Structure formats: C-alpha cells, structure tokens
Protein backbone atom coordinates (compact mmCIF):
# COMPACT_ATOMS: atom_id res chain seq x y z
CA MET A 1 53.88 16.62 -69.39
CA MET A 2 51.98 19.89 -69.21
CA ARG A 3 48.60 20.37 -67.56
CA PRO A 4 45.58 21.30 -69.71
CA GLU A 5 46.06 24.90 -68.57
CA ASN A 6 49.60 24.73 -70.06
CA ARG A 7 51.36 25.15 -66.76
CA PRO A 8 53.77 22.80 -64.95
CA VAL A 9 52.50 20.17 -62.52
CA ASP A 10 52.71 21.39 -58.90
CA ILE A 11 53.06 18.44 -56.53
CA ALA A 12 52.02 20.69 -53.61
CA GLU A 13 48.66 21.18 -55.32
CA LEU A 14 48.15 17.42 -55.38
CA TRP A 15 48.93 17.15 -51.66
CA ARG A 16 46.51 19.98 -50.88
CA MET A 17 43.83 17.98 -52.67
CA LEU A 18 44.73 14.91 -50.59
CA ASP A 19 44.50 16.69 -47.23
CA LEU A 20 41.97 15.05 -44.89
CA ILE A 21 42.95 17.01 -41.78
CA THR A 22 41.32 20.32 -42.72
CA PRO A 23 37.90 18.94 -43.73
CA MET A 24 37.74 16.77 -40.62
CA ALA A 25 38.91 19.60 -38.33
CA LEU A 26 36.19 21.84 -39.72
CA ARG A 27 33.58 19.14 -39.24
CA VAL A 28 34.63 18.54 -35.65
CA ALA A 29 34.47 22.27 -34.88
CA ALA A 30 31.03 22.38 -36.52
CA THR A 31 29.77 19.33 -34.64
CA LEU A 32 30.94 20.79 -31.31
CA ARG A 33 29.28 24.14 -32.17
CA ILE A 34 32.48 25.98 -31.30
CA ALA A 35 31.45 29.08 -33.26
CA ASP A 36 28.15 29.33 -31.39
CA LEU A 37 29.86 28.87 -28.02
CA ILE A 38 32.32 31.66 -28.83
CA ALA A 39 29.48 33.89 -30.02
CA GLU A 40 27.75 33.29 -26.67
CA GLY A 41 30.84 34.65 -24.90
CA HIS A 42 32.66 31.42 -23.98
CA THR A 43 35.98 32.50 -25.45
CA GLU A 44 38.52 31.33 -22.87
CA LEU A 45 39.94 27.88 -23.57
CA THR A 46 39.08 26.25 -20.23
CA GLU A 47 35.46 27.38 -20.29
CA LEU A 48 35.11 26.76 -24.02
CA SER A 49 36.34 23.16 -23.73
CA ALA A 50 34.11 22.56 -20.69
CA ARG A 51 31.06 23.89 -22.52
CA ALA A 52 31.89 21.75 -25.56
CA GLY A 53 32.54 18.69 -23.38
CA VAL A 54 36.00 18.03 -24.80
CA HIS A 55 39.64 17.79 -23.73
CA SER A 56 41.11 21.27 -23.32
CA ASP A 57 44.54 20.64 -24.84
CA ALA A 58 43.10 18.74 -27.80
CA LEU A 59 40.67 21.59 -28.49
CA SER A 60 43.47 24.17 -28.38
CA ARG A 61 45.44 22.18 -30.95
CA LEU A 62 42.38 21.82 -33.18
CA LEU A 63 41.64 25.55 -33.06
CA ARG A 64 45.23 26.59 -33.68
CA TYR A 65 45.36 24.30 -36.70
CA LEU A 66 42.25 26.02 -38.07
CA ILE A 67 43.57 29.49 -37.20
CA VAL A 68 46.64 28.91 -39.36
CA ARG A 69 44.23 28.12 -42.18
CA GLY A 70 42.20 31.28 -41.69
CA VAL A 71 39.34 29.99 -39.51
CA PHE A 72 38.97 31.56 -36.01
CA THR A 73 41.48 33.88 -34.36
CA GLU A 74 43.35 33.96 -31.04
CA PRO A 75 43.49 37.64 -30.00
CA SER A 76 45.24 36.76 -26.72
CA PRO A 77 46.72 33.53 -25.38
CA ASN A 78 44.07 30.81 -24.89
CA LYS A 79 41.27 33.19 -25.81
CA PHE A 80 39.55 32.61 -29.14
CA ALA A 81 37.32 34.68 -31.42
CA LEU A 82 35.33 34.44 -34.62
CA ASN A 83 36.39 35.84 -37.97
CA ASP A 84 34.41 35.93 -41.21
CA LEU A 85 35.12 32.30 -42.09
CA ALA A 86 34.37 31.03 -38.59
CA ALA A 87 31.06 32.93 -38.61
CA LEU A 88 29.93 30.63 -41.43
CA LEU A 89 29.89 27.85 -38.81
CA LEU A 90 27.20 29.55 -36.70
CA ASP A 91 24.15 27.32 -36.48
CA GLU A 92 21.72 29.96 -37.73
CA HIS A 93 23.84 31.12 -40.67
CA PRO A 94 21.65 31.11 -43.83
CA SER A 95 24.04 28.76 -45.62
CA ALA A 96 23.35 26.01 -43.02
CA SER A 97 27.05 25.12 -43.36
CA ARG A 98 27.35 23.90 -39.77
CA ARG A 99 24.40 21.58 -40.15
CA TRP A 100 25.80 20.08 -43.35
CA MET A 101 29.14 19.48 -41.59
CA ASP A 102 27.69 18.06 -38.35
CA LEU A 103 29.18 14.60 -37.99
CA GLU A 104 26.20 13.54 -35.87
CA GLY A 105 23.66 14.63 -38.50
CA PHE A 106 22.79 13.48 -42.00
CA GLY A 107 25.42 15.63 -43.74
CA GLY A 108 28.23 14.19 -41.64
CA ARG A 109 26.91 10.67 -42.02
CA MET A 110 26.96 11.11 -45.79
CA ASP A 111 30.50 12.49 -45.77
CA LEU A 112 31.86 9.72 -43.53
CA ALA A 113 30.49 7.18 -46.00
CA PHE A 114 33.25 8.26 -48.39
CA PHE A 115 35.70 6.24 -46.33
CA ASP A 116 34.06 3.26 -48.05
CA LEU A 117 34.67 4.71 -51.52
CA LEU A 118 37.27 2.11 -52.48
CA THR A 119 34.86 -0.73 -51.68
CA THR A 120 32.09 1.11 -53.52
CA VAL A 121 34.12 1.65 -56.68
CA ARG A 122 35.20 -1.99 -56.70
CA ALA A 123 31.68 -3.33 -56.22
CA GLY A 124 29.67 -0.65 -57.98
CA ARG A 125 27.65 0.02 -54.85
CA PRO A 126 28.36 0.83 -51.18
CA PRO A 127 28.58 -1.96 -48.59
CA GLU A 128 25.47 -0.57 -46.88
CA THR A 129 22.65 1.70 -48.03
CA ASP A 130 20.13 3.63 -45.97
CA ASP A 131 16.57 4.47 -46.86
CA LYS A 132 15.11 7.55 -45.22
CA ALA A 133 12.53 5.40 -43.45
CA ASN A 134 15.36 3.43 -41.79
CA LEU A 135 17.28 6.42 -40.42
CA SER A 136 17.23 7.13 -36.70
CA ASP A 137 14.80 9.83 -35.63
CA ALA A 138 17.65 12.29 -35.02
CA VAL A 139 19.34 11.71 -38.40
CA ALA A 140 15.99 11.76 -40.24
CA ALA A 141 15.14 15.08 -38.56
CA SER A 142 18.57 16.38 -39.56
CA PHE A 143 17.91 15.35 -43.18
CA ASP A 144 14.53 17.13 -43.18
CA ALA A 145 16.07 20.29 -41.70
CA LEU A 146 18.82 20.35 -44.31
CA MET A 147 16.37 19.86 -47.17
CA GLU A 148 14.11 22.57 -45.72
CA SER A 149 17.00 25.03 -45.52
CA GLN A 150 18.01 24.23 -49.09
CA SER A 151 14.44 24.60 -50.35
CA ARG A 152 13.99 27.89 -48.53
CA ALA A 153 16.93 29.30 -50.47
CA GLN A 154 15.85 27.84 -53.83
CA ALA A 155 12.05 28.06 -53.72
CA PRO A 156 11.53 31.70 -54.80
CA ALA A 157 13.68 31.26 -57.93
CA ILE A 158 12.07 27.91 -58.80
CA VAL A 159 8.53 29.24 -58.46
CA ALA A 160 9.38 32.37 -60.44
CA ALA A 161 10.90 30.37 -63.29
CA TYR A 162 7.79 28.37 -64.22
CA GLU A 163 4.49 29.40 -65.83
CA TRP A 164 1.68 28.58 -63.37
CA ALA A 165 -1.16 30.31 -65.24
CA GLY A 166 -4.27 28.13 -65.30
CA VAL A 167 -2.90 25.70 -62.68
CA SER A 168 -5.32 25.06 -59.82
CA HIS A 169 -3.89 21.94 -58.11
CA VAL A 170 -0.26 20.92 -57.58
CA VAL A 171 1.03 17.74 -55.90
CA ASP A 172 4.53 17.93 -54.46
CA VAL A 173 5.74 14.32 -54.45
CA GLY A 174 8.30 13.72 -51.72
CA GLY A 175 8.19 17.44 -51.02
CA GLY A 176 9.87 17.33 -47.62
CA THR A 177 8.40 19.73 -45.08
CA GLY A 178 6.52 21.63 -47.78
CA THR A 179 8.79 24.65 -48.16
CA LEU A 180 8.63 24.76 -51.97
CA LEU A 181 4.88 24.14 -52.03
CA ALA A 182 4.32 26.84 -49.41
CA GLU A 183 6.20 29.37 -51.56
CA LEU A 184 4.09 28.41 -54.57
CA LEU A 185 0.82 28.74 -52.65
CA ARG A 186 1.92 32.03 -51.10
CA THR A 187 2.68 33.63 -54.46
CA HIS A 188 -0.29 32.06 -56.35
CA PRO A 189 -3.40 32.40 -54.16
CA ARG A 190 -5.65 30.42 -56.55
CA VAL A 191 -3.54 27.26 -56.39
CA GLN A 192 -4.41 24.35 -54.08
CA GLY A 193 -1.67 21.96 -53.00
CA THR A 194 -1.10 18.40 -51.85
CA LEU A 195 2.08 17.33 -50.09
CA LEU A 196 2.98 13.63 -50.29
CA GLU A 197 5.58 12.49 -47.77
CA LEU A 198 6.54 9.75 -45.33
CA PRO A 199 4.76 9.99 -41.95
CA SER A 200 7.46 11.68 -39.82
CA THR A 201 8.19 14.29 -42.48
CA ALA A 202 4.51 14.75 -43.25
CA GLU A 203 3.92 15.81 -39.66
CA ALA A 204 6.66 18.43 -39.95
CA GLY A 205 4.99 19.58 -43.17
CA ARG A 206 1.68 20.07 -41.38
CA ARG A 207 3.40 22.25 -38.80
CA LEU A 208 5.11 24.39 -41.45
CA LEU A 209 1.92 24.87 -43.44
CA ALA A 210 0.03 25.79 -40.27
CA GLU A 211 2.72 28.29 -39.28
CA THR A 212 2.53 29.93 -42.70
CA GLY A 213 -1.27 30.10 -42.66
CA LEU A 214 -1.61 27.78 -45.68
CA ALA A 215 -3.01 24.64 -44.06
CA ASN A 216 -6.50 25.29 -45.44
CA ARG A 217 -5.15 25.26 -49.01
CA CYS A 218 -2.91 22.21 -48.77
CA GLU A 219 -3.70 18.59 -47.94
CA VAL A 220 -0.89 16.52 -46.47
CA VAL A 221 -0.95 12.85 -47.52
CA GLU A 222 1.21 10.30 -45.72
CA GLY A 223 2.70 7.38 -47.60
CA ASP A 224 5.29 5.94 -49.95
CA LEU A 225 5.00 7.26 -53.50
CA PHE A 226 5.00 3.68 -54.83
CA GLU A 227 1.90 2.91 -52.75
CA VAL A 228 0.05 6.23 -52.62
CA MET A 229 -0.28 8.92 -55.29
CA PRO A 230 -2.87 11.73 -55.10
CA LYS A 231 -5.00 11.84 -58.22
CA HIS A 232 -6.10 14.39 -60.78
CA ALA A 233 -3.65 17.21 -60.12
CA GLN A 234 -2.63 19.41 -63.01
CA VAL A 235 1.03 19.48 -62.00
CA TYR A 236 3.13 16.87 -60.19
CA LEU A 237 6.39 18.23 -58.78
CA LEU A 238 9.42 15.96 -58.28
CA LYS A 239 12.18 18.04 -56.71
CA PHE A 240 15.40 16.09 -56.07
CA VAL A 241 13.42 12.83 -56.07
CA LEU A 242 14.64 11.12 -59.21
CA HIS A 243 18.35 11.73 -58.61
CA GLY A 244 18.06 9.76 -55.38
CA ILE A 245 16.74 6.57 -56.95
CA ALA A 246 17.82 4.05 -59.58
CA ASP A 247 16.65 4.26 -63.19
CA THR A 248 14.01 1.55 -62.82
CA ASP A 249 12.44 3.27 -59.80
CA ALA A 250 12.68 6.66 -61.52
CA VAL A 251 10.68 5.30 -64.46
CA LYS A 252 8.11 3.81 -62.06
CA THR A 253 7.81 7.16 -60.27
CA LEU A 254 7.13 8.98 -63.53
CA GLN A 255 4.60 6.31 -64.51
CA ARG A 256 2.84 6.65 -61.15
CA CYS A 257 2.48 10.39 -61.65
CA ARG A 258 1.28 9.95 -65.25
CA GLU A 259 -1.32 7.36 -64.24
CA ALA A 260 -2.60 9.46 -61.33
CA GLY A 261 -2.89 12.67 -63.33
CA LEU A 262 -5.35 13.99 -65.87
CA PRO A 263 -4.76 13.53 -69.62
CA ASP A 264 -3.21 17.01 -69.82
CA SER A 265 -1.34 16.92 -66.50
CA ARG A 266 2.29 17.96 -66.39
CA ILE A 267 5.13 16.39 -64.43
CA VAL A 268 7.82 18.89 -63.50
CA VAL A 269 11.14 17.32 -62.54
CA ILE A 270 13.44 19.71 -60.67
CA GLU A 271 17.03 18.51 -60.78
CA ARG A 272 20.60 19.56 -61.25
CA THR A 273 21.49 18.60 -64.82
CA VAL A 274 24.09 19.58 -67.39
CA GLY A 275 24.58 20.10 -71.08
CA PRO A 276 27.82 20.63 -72.99
CA GLU A 277 28.09 24.28 -71.92
CA ASP A 278 27.26 23.86 -68.21
CA ASP A 279 29.56 23.91 -65.20
CA ARG A 280 30.09 20.30 -64.13
CA ASP A 281 31.55 20.92 -60.68
CA GLN A 282 28.33 20.67 -58.66
CA PHE A 283 27.00 17.97 -60.99
CA THR A 284 29.97 15.63 -60.53
CA SER A 285 30.20 16.30 -56.77
CA MET A 286 26.56 15.37 -56.23
CA ASP A 287 26.96 12.37 -58.52
CA MET A 288 29.69 11.06 -56.21
CA ARG A 289 27.38 11.55 -53.22
CA MET A 290 24.67 9.56 -54.96
CA LEU A 291 27.22 6.83 -55.69
CA ILE A 292 28.32 6.56 -52.07
CA LEU A 293 24.73 6.60 -50.80
CA GLY A 294 23.94 3.79 -53.20
CA HIS A 295 20.55 4.75 -54.59
CA GLY A 296 20.63 7.15 -57.51
CA ARG A 297 22.80 9.27 -59.76
CA GLU A 298 22.94 12.70 -61.37
CA ARG A 299 21.73 12.63 -64.97
CA THR A 300 22.11 14.69 -68.11
CA LEU A 301 19.07 16.15 -69.82
CA ASP A 302 19.22 13.41 -72.46
CA GLU A 303 19.18 10.79 -69.70
CA TYR A 304 16.11 12.37 -68.09
CA ALA A 305 14.44 12.48 -71.48
CA ALA A 306 15.16 8.75 -71.87
CA LEU A 307 13.55 8.02 -68.50
CA GLY A 308 10.48 9.98 -69.58
CA ASN A 309 10.33 8.06 -72.83
CA GLN A 310 10.30 4.76 -70.93
CA ALA A 311 7.41 6.10 -68.84
CA ASP A 312 5.46 6.97 -72.03
CA LEU A 313 6.04 10.68 -71.53
CA MET A 314 7.38 13.28 -73.92
CA LEU A 315 9.80 16.02 -72.95
CA GLY A 316 8.31 19.51 -72.83
CA THR A 317 9.94 22.74 -71.79
CA VAL A 318 13.29 22.80 -69.99
CA THR A 319 13.69 25.91 -67.87
CA PRO A 320 16.96 26.93 -66.18
CA THR A 321 16.88 28.83 -62.89
CA THR A 322 19.24 31.14 -61.06
CA VAL A 323 19.85 28.52 -58.33
CA GLY A 324 21.60 25.85 -60.39
CA VAL A 325 18.66 23.55 -61.14
CA HIS A 326 16.46 23.00 -64.19
CA LEU A 327 12.70 22.52 -64.40
CA ILE A 328 12.20 19.62 -66.79
CA GLU A 329 8.60 19.29 -67.93
CA PHE A 330 7.02 16.05 -69.13
CA ARG A 331 3.59 15.50 -70.68
CA GLY A 332 1.65 12.45 -71.80
CA ARG A 333 2.23 11.24 -75.34
CA ASN A 334 -1.45 11.42 -76.20
CA LEU A 335 -1.34 15.22 -76.20
CA PRO A 336 -0.81 17.22 -79.40
C-alpha cells in the first residue's frame, strides 16, 4: 500500500511519531529551568545539578540525550552550553515555550492528562475534569500567565482586523488579565472597557490595567459569566471562551451576552476555526486538548453558526487574522 503522498511506508517514521522520551526530556529540562541556569553561568555539571536540585549523573544523561537531538551542546566534558534550540527554553523567551512545557504548571498538567487518553476515548470524556476555579493557586496563576503571553502576541493583529468605528463600550467576557482589552483601549482612545473575570484573575487584570495607565477607562467586574454579565455594551468579546465549554453552555453564554446587550449590540467570538481550505494541524491538535480536558471542542464555522442560531443570533462578518484565529460576529435576529 502506498501513502497518500505516493511514497513507501517508512516504519522508522512511525516509531519517531511514537517516541515519548524526547517530549518528556524536553519538559523535564524546561521544568528544571536548565537553560536559564546555564545562561546565568552555571555550566559545569556538578554546580548545574546542585542548582537544579537533581541527581548529577541523571542530569548528565538527560542532557546528552537532548544534545544528540540538537538541544544544548557540551563544548568540553561535563560543561554544557546553550544553542539556538536550547535558547527557546529560556523563561523570558517571547514564545513562552518553557512555561508551556513546565510539568508543574498548567501546560504540563494538560500534557500529562494525555496519559488518560485511552480511558477518555473509551468513555467519551476524561476520568477527571478541572474547572479554573478549582485549580491550585500556583496552577491557576500559571494558566493566567500563559493566556496573557498568548494574548500579548495575538492582540495587535486581532484589534487591527476588526472595524471599531462607532464603538464606545466593549465587554471582554472571560478576558483573562485584560491584555486584549488593554490593546484595544490603547489603540482606540474613545473606547471604554469592562473586563469580566473570576476573582483571582480579575485582580491580576486590575494590576495590568493600572500598569498600562488604562484603569480609568476600564471597569473590572468579578464573577462567573453565568451569574454576572455587564449590560448595554455595544460589543461583547468572547476570545477562546466557547471552545472551552460544551455546546449547551456555549449557547447559554451567547444568550447571556445577547440578553445583556442593546438591540444592535454585536458579539464577537474569537476562535480557531477551519473551512475546507484551511490548515487543520493546529485545529485538530487543540481539539484533542479540549477532549482530554473534558469541557469543550474546536468547531468549524458552520458549527459556530449553529450555536448562534440556537441563541437566536444571526451570523455576521467572519474576519480572518494573521495569527490563526477568526473574528466571528453575531447580531440579534431583530436587526435588518
């Protein structure tokens, strides 16, 4: 049998796909902050292992495994250095790769949940699910930091993609620490904002808005979106909210926004979605993460339109961005 690309099957390719050692070795190095320790000058094995709080011989074996695969170098015996790939594991790298890999943070917790994938596929849901409100303080803070880093990278393109003319008040529902809303307020001085978030994240949002000098133009409201929804905004933003919840809750969320808004208010759903011509790699990867977390799913544009229809909303403009997400606009059915 030939592969779709009309080339013979390579069993070595299958085994490379099955490899668990490399992803776990990278995550352990990231969790131990090995790249940061080396960057600080702790390059010799004995000192490096002491600073990391790990067994010296085990660390040397871990690093030499990664070196063979192109991550880190050993310029002299038992003395290690960064290379371009290892530099991606620095804590302050813009990609936030280390933080996503950290086995003691939210990213690592999510990845380790894949060891329950067999149980999840058999049952249709994972054996355990976590709501953000139930996470430990450390893991919840890790989640907020990851979302903030992601929003910081995406916000300029998202704000630039949409037409904000005539908009005076925007509510960011479940808007994390307010990074997207802050970018919108910064670039559109006439807009007022409201950030709706759970209490711990709301406090982080207040700090960010104060640091950016925008606190006087943005109210921060604490609460669950099913219990609290700020009223009479012209635009309600839902960035990466609906993909994290089941269809029934997604419809309720849209209904809550519609009921809180004005007759001509818009609901702008910001999600990763696909059509027939789109790249499905990121879409299917995130869909698997939603499966293993047990709450939501990635959806096609037609599926989002169906959710809007159930919430008595009609689909408006659909705007692609340069950062892999679409802005899906909904309006009330009573509008022309």
